[in-house]
Amino acid sequence: MDDYEHLDPDESEYAPVDHTAQRLALLPLEEAHDRLLLTVAQEADRLAKEIAARIPSEN
């Protein structure tokens, strides 16, 4: 049994991933890896900007 079967992604507080994993499964492994890294980097950049906008500057 998968330990995560009881979780419903629609009820989570995480941002939707727009079925990236489903699309990646259709690509060759190397291209899927590259696109996954790009997707993760873009999400990290978005989150960093959102966090930075919420934290007041010291200057």
Protein backbone atom coordinates (compact mmCIF):
# COMPACT_ATOMS: atom_id res chain seq x y z
CA MET A 1 0.00 0.00 0.00
CA ASP A 2 1.22 3.50 -0.84
CA ASP A 3 1.51 5.61 2.31
CA TYR A 4 0.04 8.57 0.44
CA GLU A 5 -3.11 6.97 -0.97
CA HIS A 6 -5.25 8.57 1.73
CA LEU A 7 -4.21 12.09 0.66
CA ASP A 8 -6.32 14.04 -1.81
CA PRO A 9 -4.17 16.47 -3.85
CA ASP A 10 -7.21 18.68 -4.44
CA GLU A 11 -7.46 19.28 -0.70
CA SER A 12 -3.81 20.20 -0.19
CA GLU A 13 -2.57 23.74 0.29
CA TYR A 14 0.19 23.31 -2.30
CA ALA A 15 0.15 25.14 -5.60
CA PRO A 16 -1.20 23.04 -8.48
CA VAL A 17 1.48 21.49 -10.67
CA ASP A 18 -0.76 21.41 -13.76
CA HIS A 19 -0.15 17.73 -14.45
CA THR A 20 3.57 18.20 -15.13
CA ALA A 21 4.29 14.62 -14.05
CA GLN A 22 1.77 13.24 -16.54
CA ARG A 23 3.37 15.22 -19.37
CA LEU A 24 6.88 14.22 -18.31
CA ALA A 25 5.98 10.53 -18.58
CA LEU A 26 5.51 10.99 -22.34
CA LEU A 27 9.03 12.36 -22.90
CA PRO A 28 12.36 10.59 -23.23
CA LEU A 29 14.10 10.32 -19.85
CA GLU A 30 16.75 13.00 -20.49
CA GLU A 31 14.25 15.54 -21.81
CA ALA A 32 11.84 14.78 -18.96
CA HIS A 33 14.66 15.34 -16.48
CA ASP A 34 15.60 18.67 -18.06
CA ARG A 35 12.00 19.87 -18.08
CA LEU A 36 11.45 18.73 -14.51
CA LEU A 37 14.51 20.70 -13.38
CA LEU A 38 13.25 23.75 -15.26
CA THR A 39 9.78 23.43 -13.72
CA VAL A 40 11.24 23.10 -10.21
CA ALA A 41 13.53 26.10 -10.79
CA GLN A 42 10.65 28.23 -12.05
CA GLU A 43 8.51 27.29 -9.05
CA ALA A 44 11.38 28.01 -6.66
CA ASP A 45 11.91 31.41 -8.31
CA ARG A 46 8.20 32.22 -8.02
CA LEU A 47 8.16 31.25 -4.34
CA ALA A 48 11.34 33.24 -3.62
CA LYS A 49 9.80 36.35 -5.18
CA GLU A 50 6.58 35.86 -3.21
CA ILE A 51 8.49 35.45 0.05
CA ALA A 52 10.70 38.45 -0.70
CA ALA A 53 7.62 40.60 -1.34
CA ARG A 54 6.27 39.68 2.11
CA ILE A 55 9.47 40.38 4.07
CA PRO A 56 10.19 44.06 4.68
CA SER A 57 13.57 45.35 3.55
CA GLU A 58 16.07 46.40 6.25
CA ASN A 59 17.08 49.50 4.26
